[in-house]
């Protein structure tokens, strides 16, 4: 009886300890950044998110919540671009990577460069962005499917929560997985294939 009481007490203490540990773990940057009001913000994991153009204030907030790298996939001469974003990001202690992707003509080379950057320090807190999160969400979709092995259905749902790719982008996001011997046929892929 004493052994049973000891064991029950021990289990109860373990349960409370686990609850305490679970609540003591700080939220990820991806969760905390949702409060920063960034256009089309979406968190894919605890360390990866994409969005439209963040303001200077949002970049300051991202630095506070633990973002370590910002990858920008549009051109700095866009009307809504933050012209000194590279300096702002670096001054806040984050890494800044600029891969200017031509809107009308994304290339395999653009994706390969993006993929190399992302694999360089896999798992660090990263925000990938462009102006409205169309380029960024497409590149993250491809990275998650091709490199991280995320199921196509899951990745397509996240992509379609931001936008339904136009014809040229549809071709781009369907062709690349196919070139990597990944079947683009999934329950939710009809929108990608124009169906």
Protein backbone atom coordinates (compact mmCIF):
# COMPACT_ATOMS: atom_id res chain seq x y z
CA UNK A 1 0.00 0.00 0.00
CA UNK A 2 2.83 2.38 0.88
CA UNK A 3 4.51 1.62 -2.43
CA UNK A 4 1.29 2.37 -4.31
CA UNK A 5 0.87 5.67 -2.44
CA UNK A 6 4.50 6.60 -3.12
CA UNK A 7 4.12 5.74 -6.80
CA UNK A 8 0.85 7.71 -7.10
CA UNK A 9 2.42 10.73 -5.42
CA UNK A 10 5.47 10.47 -7.68
CA UNK A 11 3.27 10.32 -10.80
CA UNK A 12 1.28 13.33 -9.64
CA UNK A 13 4.49 15.33 -9.07
CA UNK A 14 5.79 14.27 -12.48
CA UNK A 15 2.54 15.38 -14.12
CA UNK A 16 2.70 18.82 -12.48
CA UNK A 17 6.37 19.13 -13.42
CA UNK A 18 5.59 18.41 -17.06
CA UNK A 19 2.77 20.95 -17.05
CA UNK A 20 5.11 23.53 -15.55
CA UNK A 21 7.83 22.80 -18.11
CA UNK A 22 5.32 22.97 -20.97
CA UNK A 23 4.08 26.36 -19.82
CA UNK A 24 7.59 27.63 -19.04
CA UNK A 25 8.83 27.10 -22.62
CA UNK A 26 8.86 30.51 -24.30
CA UNK A 27 6.72 30.84 -27.43
CA UNK A 28 8.58 30.71 -30.73
CA UNK A 29 9.27 33.83 -32.75
CA UNK A 30 6.77 32.55 -35.30
CA UNK A 31 3.96 32.71 -32.73
CA UNK A 32 5.04 36.02 -31.22
CA UNK A 33 5.48 37.71 -34.61
CA UNK A 34 1.79 37.22 -35.41
CA UNK A 35 1.09 40.26 -33.21
CA UNK A 36 3.28 42.54 -35.37
CA UNK A 37 0.59 43.09 -38.04
CA UNK A 38 2.76 42.15 -41.03
CA UNK A 39 0.96 41.71 -44.39
CA UNK A 40 0.06 38.08 -45.16
CA UNK A 41 2.21 36.72 -42.32
CA UNK A 42 2.24 32.92 -42.00
CA UNK A 43 4.26 30.71 -39.68
CA UNK A 44 5.21 27.30 -41.06
CA UNK A 45 7.17 26.07 -38.03
CA UNK A 46 8.77 27.41 -34.88
CA UNK A 47 11.68 28.74 -36.94
CA UNK A 48 10.27 29.59 -40.38
CA UNK A 49 7.73 32.19 -41.48
CA UNK A 50 7.00 34.26 -44.57
CA UNK A 51 5.23 37.54 -45.13
CA UNK A 52 4.75 40.65 -47.18
CA UNK A 53 6.92 43.71 -46.61
CA UNK A 54 7.48 44.36 -42.89
CA UNK A 55 7.73 47.96 -41.70
CA UNK A 56 10.79 49.24 -39.84
CA UNK A 57 8.82 48.87 -36.61
CA UNK A 58 7.89 45.28 -37.49
CA UNK A 59 11.56 44.50 -38.20
CA UNK A 60 12.43 45.86 -34.75
CA UNK A 61 9.72 43.63 -33.29
CA UNK A 62 11.02 40.62 -35.23
CA UNK A 63 14.50 41.20 -33.79
CA UNK A 64 13.01 41.36 -30.27
CA UNK A 65 11.19 38.02 -30.69
CA UNK A 66 14.28 36.22 -31.96
CA UNK A 67 14.43 36.40 -35.74
CA UNK A 68 18.01 35.76 -36.79
CA UNK A 69 17.76 35.97 -40.58
CA UNK A 70 15.65 37.95 -43.04
CA UNK A 71 15.53 36.80 -46.67
CA UNK A 72 14.10 39.34 -49.13
CA UNK A 73 12.94 38.04 -52.53
CA UNK A 74 11.81 41.21 -54.32
CA UNK A 75 13.50 44.32 -55.68
CA UNK A 76 14.38 47.30 -53.52
CA UNK A 77 12.95 49.73 -56.10
CA UNK A 78 9.39 48.48 -55.52
CA UNK A 79 6.96 51.20 -54.37
CA UNK A 80 6.39 49.51 -51.00
CA UNK A 81 9.99 48.41 -50.38
CA UNK A 82 11.86 49.60 -47.32
CA UNK A 83 14.82 51.21 -49.08
CA UNK A 84 17.29 50.85 -46.21
CA UNK A 85 16.03 47.43 -45.08
CA UNK A 86 19.47 45.87 -45.39
CA UNK A 87 20.98 48.40 -42.98
CA UNK A 88 17.99 48.30 -40.61
CA UNK A 89 18.13 44.48 -40.41
CA UNK A 90 21.92 44.40 -39.91
CA UNK A 91 21.80 47.18 -37.30
CA UNK A 92 19.24 45.08 -35.40
CA UNK A 93 21.70 42.16 -35.34
CA UNK A 94 20.01 39.96 -37.91
CA UNK A 95 21.46 38.48 -41.08
CA UNK A 96 20.06 40.02 -44.29
CA UNK A 97 19.98 38.08 -47.56
CA UNK A 98 18.66 39.67 -50.75
CA UNK A 99 17.71 37.45 -53.70
CA UNK A 100 15.88 39.67 -56.21
CA UNK A 101 13.39 37.44 -58.05
CA UNK A 102 11.82 38.85 -61.22
CA UNK A 103 8.08 38.71 -60.67
CA UNK A 104 7.16 37.61 -64.19
CA UNK A 105 9.99 35.09 -64.50
CA UNK A 106 11.13 33.19 -61.40
CA UNK A 107 13.99 30.82 -62.25
CA UNK A 108 15.39 27.53 -61.06
CA UNK A 109 18.63 29.40 -60.31
CA UNK A 110 16.68 31.77 -58.00
CA UNK A 111 15.28 28.79 -56.11
CA UNK A 112 18.65 27.04 -55.94
CA UNK A 113 20.22 30.16 -54.45
CA UNK A 114 17.35 30.45 -51.96
CA UNK A 115 17.63 26.78 -51.04
CA UNK A 116 21.39 27.09 -50.51
CA UNK A 117 20.89 30.08 -48.21
CA UNK A 118 18.23 28.27 -46.22
CA UNK A 119 20.33 25.11 -45.85
CA UNK A 120 23.38 27.12 -44.80
CA UNK A 121 21.93 27.50 -41.32
CA UNK A 122 18.91 25.22 -41.23
CA UNK A 123 16.66 25.85 -38.26
CA UNK A 124 17.65 29.40 -37.40
CA UNK A 125 14.70 31.74 -36.97
CA UNK A 126 14.03 33.02 -40.47
CA UNK A 127 11.52 35.37 -42.05
CA UNK A 128 11.29 35.11 -45.85
CA UNK A 129 9.45 38.02 -47.42
CA UNK A 130 8.64 39.95 -50.56
CA UNK A 131 6.01 42.67 -50.98
CA UNK A 132 2.77 40.71 -50.44
CA UNK A 133 4.08 37.18 -49.69
CA UNK A 134 3.43 35.71 -53.11
CA UNK A 135 7.05 35.15 -54.15
CA UNK A 136 8.05 34.29 -50.58
CA UNK A 137 5.22 31.80 -49.94
CA UNK A 138 5.96 30.11 -53.28
CA UNK A 139 9.66 29.74 -52.54
CA UNK A 140 8.93 28.49 -49.03
CA UNK A 141 6.40 26.03 -50.48
CA UNK A 142 9.08 24.64 -52.81
CA UNK A 143 11.70 24.52 -50.05
CA UNK A 144 9.38 22.71 -47.66
CA UNK A 145 8.39 20.13 -50.29
CA UNK A 146 11.73 19.57 -52.04
CA UNK A 147 14.22 19.98 -49.19
CA UNK A 148 12.30 19.40 -45.96
CA UNK A 149 10.05 16.63 -47.30
CA UNK A 150 6.80 18.22 -46.10
CA UNK A 151 3.84 16.38 -47.67
CA UNK A 152 2.57 18.18 -50.77
CA UNK A 153 -0.99 18.39 -49.40
CA UNK A 154 0.18 20.22 -46.28
CA UNK A 155 2.43 22.59 -48.21
CA UNK A 156 -0.26 23.39 -50.79
CA UNK A 157 -2.77 24.26 -48.07
CA UNK A 158 -0.31 26.75 -46.56
CA UNK A 159 0.48 28.25 -49.98
CA UNK A 160 -3.19 28.58 -50.92
CA UNK A 161 -3.93 30.29 -47.61
CA UNK A 162 -1.85 33.21 -48.97
CA UNK A 163 -2.69 33.10 -52.68
CA UNK A 164 -3.51 30.91 -55.65
CA UNK A 165 -0.50 31.21 -57.95
CA UNK A 166 -0.90 32.82 -61.36
CA UNK A 167 -0.17 30.81 -64.52
CA UNK A 168 3.59 31.52 -64.60
CA UNK A 169 3.99 30.86 -60.89
CA UNK A 170 1.78 27.75 -61.09
CA UNK A 171 4.10 26.37 -63.76
CA UNK A 172 7.13 27.21 -61.60
CA UNK A 173 5.80 25.59 -58.41
CA UNK A 174 4.61 22.46 -60.23
CA UNK A 175 7.68 22.00 -62.45
CA UNK A 176 10.31 22.13 -59.70
CA UNK A 177 8.92 19.31 -57.53
CA UNK A 178 8.42 17.24 -60.68
CA UNK A 179 12.09 17.83 -61.62
CA UNK A 180 12.99 16.41 -58.19
CA UNK A 181 10.86 13.31 -58.84
CA UNK A 182 8.14 14.46 -56.47
CA UNK A 183 4.62 13.76 -57.66
CA UNK A 184 2.63 17.02 -57.76
CA UNK A 185 -0.59 14.97 -57.66
CA UNK A 186 -2.22 15.52 -54.28
CA UNK A 187 -5.71 16.11 -52.96
CA UNK A 188 -5.34 19.90 -52.91
CA UNK A 189 -2.99 20.33 -55.91
CA UNK A 190 -5.65 20.87 -58.57
CA UNK A 191 -5.50 24.64 -57.98
CA UNK A 192 -1.76 24.54 -58.61
CA UNK A 193 -2.22 22.68 -61.86
CA UNK A 194 -4.88 25.07 -63.07
CA UNK A 195 -7.72 22.66 -62.35
